[in-house]
Amino acid sequence: MKRLTWLFALLLALPLAAAQDEFPVAAIAGFVALWFFFILLMLAGWVLWIFMLIDCATRKDLKDNEKIVWVIVLALTQVIGAVIYFFAVKRKS
């Protein structure tokens, strides 16, 4: 986690350091790297959401009402609901 924090701080500082150049290649590279990082975060959240939705739909130890409620929560809140489901249900088993 510490490495990721340092990498994120470096990516934010890179455009500022390149502000003195005539053509801000480093600034553009910094913003592209930051954009790529956020795209990876979005993809990871989407994959987590899909896995938690599949887990909820195929789980045998949940009652039918609980399963319906969790599927609705996952469908409406998406990634936040997937994180809540992971800690509330999946991690216990």
C-alpha atoms as a PDB file:
ATOM      1  CA  MET A   1       0.000   0.000   0.000  1.00  0.00           C
ATOM      2  CA  LYS A   2       2.908   2.300   0.760  1.00  0.00           C
ATOM      3  CA  ARG A   3       4.353   1.774  -2.710  1.00  0.00           C
ATOM      4  CA  LEU A   4       1.011   2.558  -4.286  1.00  0.00           C
ATOM      5  CA  THR A   5       0.773   5.778  -2.272  1.00  0.00           C
ATOM      6  CA  TRP A   6       4.253   6.832  -3.381  1.00  0.00           C
ATOM      7  CA  LEU A   7       3.456   5.996  -6.989  1.00  0.00           C
ATOM      8  CA  PHE A   8       0.257   8.019  -6.824  1.00  0.00           C
ATOM      9  CA  ALA A   9       2.111  10.987  -5.275  1.00  0.00           C
ATOM     10  CA  LEU A  10       4.770  10.769  -7.984  1.00  0.00           C
ATOM     11  CA  LEU A  11       2.131  10.718 -10.716  1.00  0.00           C
ATOM     12  CA  LEU A  12       0.538  13.832  -9.248  1.00  0.00           C
ATOM     13  CA  ALA A  13       3.873  15.655  -8.961  1.00  0.00           C
ATOM     14  CA  LEU A  14       5.038  14.807 -12.477  1.00  0.00           C
ATOM     15  CA  PRO A  15       2.820  17.360 -14.279  1.00  0.00           C
ATOM     16  CA  LEU A  16       3.918  20.088 -11.872  1.00  0.00           C
ATOM     17  CA  ALA A  17       7.587  19.337 -12.480  1.00  0.00           C
ATOM     18  CA  ALA A  18       7.082  19.490 -16.227  1.00  0.00           C
ATOM     19  CA  ALA A  19       5.378  22.874 -16.214  1.00  0.00           C
ATOM     20  CA  GLN A  20       8.636  24.619 -17.186  1.00  0.00           C
ATOM     21  CA  ASP A  21       9.010  22.799 -20.516  1.00  0.00           C
ATOM     22  CA  GLU A  22       8.093  24.366 -23.823  1.00  0.00           C
ATOM     23  CA  PHE A  23       5.869  21.426 -24.766  1.00  0.00           C
ATOM     24  CA  PRO A  24       4.606  19.673 -21.631  1.00  0.00           C
ATOM     25  CA  VAL A  25       5.320  16.067 -22.593  1.00  0.00           C
ATOM     26  CA  ALA A  26       5.877  15.003 -18.995  1.00  0.00           C
ATOM     27  CA  ALA A  27       2.682  16.729 -17.915  1.00  0.00           C
ATOM     28  CA  ILE A  28       0.708  14.898 -20.564  1.00  0.00           C
ATOM     29  CA  ALA A  29       2.409  11.625 -19.597  1.00  0.00           C
ATOM     30  CA  GLY A  30       1.508  12.225 -15.958  1.00  0.00           C
ATOM     31  CA  PHE A  31      -2.139  12.794 -16.753  1.00  0.00           C
ATOM     32  CA  VAL A  32      -2.234   9.742 -19.035  1.00  0.00           C
ATOM     33  CA  ALA A  33      -0.685   7.609 -16.282  1.00  0.00           C
ATOM     34  CA  LEU A  34      -3.195   8.962 -13.781  1.00  0.00           C
ATOM     35  CA  TRP A  35      -6.049   8.251 -16.211  1.00  0.00           C
ATOM     36  CA  PHE A  36      -4.736   4.706 -16.720  1.00  0.00           C
ATOM     37  CA  PHE A  37      -4.590   4.196 -12.938  1.00  0.00           C
ATOM     38  CA  PHE A  38      -8.225   5.258 -12.544  1.00  0.00           C
ATOM     39  CA  ILE A  39      -9.287   3.009 -15.429  1.00  0.00           C
ATOM     40  CA  LEU A  40      -7.625   0.072 -13.656  1.00  0.00           C
ATOM     41  CA  LEU A  41      -9.442   0.967 -10.432  1.00  0.00           C
ATOM     42  CA  MET A  42     -12.763   1.090 -12.276  1.00  0.00           C
ATOM     43  CA  LEU A  43     -12.120  -2.290 -13.907  1.00  0.00           C
ATOM     44  CA  ALA A  44     -11.172  -3.839 -10.559  1.00  0.00           C
ATOM     45  CA  GLY A  45     -14.379  -2.490  -9.011  1.00  0.00           C
ATOM     46  CA  TRP A  46     -16.436  -3.838 -11.899  1.00  0.00           C
ATOM     47  CA  VAL A  47     -14.837  -7.298 -11.598  1.00  0.00           C
ATOM     48  CA  LEU A  48     -15.446  -7.290  -7.827  1.00  0.00           C
ATOM     49  CA  TRP A  49     -19.086  -6.346  -8.434  1.00  0.00           C
ATOM     50  CA  ILE A  50     -19.583  -9.174 -10.958  1.00  0.00           C
ATOM     51  CA  PHE A  51     -17.950 -11.749  -8.650  1.00  0.00           C
ATOM     52  CA  MET A  52     -20.046 -10.681  -5.658  1.00  0.00           C
ATOM     53  CA  LEU A  53     -23.235 -10.737  -7.754  1.00  0.00           C
ATOM     54  CA  ILE A  54     -22.457 -14.274  -8.955  1.00  0.00           C
ATOM     55  CA  ASP A  55     -21.548 -15.358  -5.420  1.00  0.00           C
ATOM     56  CA  CYS A  56     -24.805 -13.977  -4.060  1.00  0.00           C
ATOM     57  CA  ALA A  57     -26.892 -15.647  -6.758  1.00  0.00           C
ATOM     58  CA  THR A  58     -25.262 -19.060  -6.283  1.00  0.00           C
ATOM     59  CA  ARG A  59     -24.872 -19.062  -2.486  1.00  0.00           C
ATOM     60  CA  LYS A  60     -26.802 -21.884  -0.797  1.00  0.00           C
ATOM     61  CA  ASP A  61     -26.640 -20.705   2.828  1.00  0.00           C
ATOM     62  CA  LEU A  62     -28.697 -17.534   2.242  1.00  0.00           C
ATOM     63  CA  LYS A  63     -32.466 -17.661   2.530  1.00  0.00           C
ATOM     64  CA  ASP A  64     -34.466 -16.661  -0.535  1.00  0.00           C
ATOM     65  CA  ASN A  65     -35.494 -13.306   0.970  1.00  0.00           C
ATOM     66  CA  GLU A  66     -31.923 -12.477   1.970  1.00  0.00           C
ATOM     67  CA  LYS A  67     -30.688 -13.422  -1.470  1.00  0.00           C
ATOM     68  CA  ILE A  68     -33.265 -11.172  -3.166  1.00  0.00           C
ATOM     69  CA  VAL A  69     -32.393  -8.260  -0.880  1.00  0.00           C
ATOM     70  CA  TRP A  70     -28.653  -8.687  -1.523  1.00  0.00           C
ATOM     71  CA  VAL A  71     -29.156  -8.908  -5.287  1.00  0.00           C
ATOM     72  CA  ILE A  72     -31.207  -5.686  -5.192  1.00  0.00           C
ATOM     73  CA  VAL A  73     -28.573  -3.984  -3.010  1.00  0.00           C
ATOM     74  CA  LEU A  74     -25.803  -5.120  -5.355  1.00  0.00           C
ATOM     75  CA  ALA A  75     -27.732  -4.025  -8.432  1.00  0.00           C
ATOM     76  CA  LEU A  76     -28.519  -0.564  -7.077  1.00  0.00           C
ATOM     77  CA  THR A  77     -25.277   0.317  -5.297  1.00  0.00           C
ATOM     78  CA  GLN A  78     -22.841  -1.617  -7.523  1.00  0.00           C
ATOM     79  CA  VAL A  79     -19.231  -1.352  -6.256  1.00  0.00           C
ATOM     80  CA  ILE A  80     -20.106   0.039  -2.823  1.00  0.00           C
ATOM     81  CA  GLY A  81     -22.675  -2.717  -2.383  1.00  0.00           C
ATOM     82  CA  ALA A  82     -20.113  -5.302  -3.504  1.00  0.00           C
ATOM     83  CA  VAL A  83     -17.646  -4.127  -0.865  1.00  0.00           C
ATOM     84  CA  ILE A  84     -20.378  -4.200   1.806  1.00  0.00           C
ATOM     85  CA  TYR A  85     -21.461  -7.677   0.672  1.00  0.00           C
ATOM     86  CA  PHE A  86     -17.857  -8.893   0.742  1.00  0.00           C
ATOM     87  CA  PHE A  87     -17.344  -7.856   4.362  1.00  0.00           C
ATOM     88  CA  ALA A  88     -20.852  -8.717   5.588  1.00  0.00           C
ATOM     89  CA  VAL A  89     -21.423 -12.111   3.940  1.00  0.00           C
ATOM     90  CA  LYS A  90     -18.527 -13.466   1.885  1.00  0.00           C
ATOM     91  CA  ARG A  91     -15.776 -12.930   4.441  1.00  0.00           C
ATOM     92  CA  LYS A  92     -17.725 -14.738   7.181  1.00  0.00           C
ATOM     93  CA  SER A  93     -17.776 -18.011   5.250  1.00  0.00           C
END
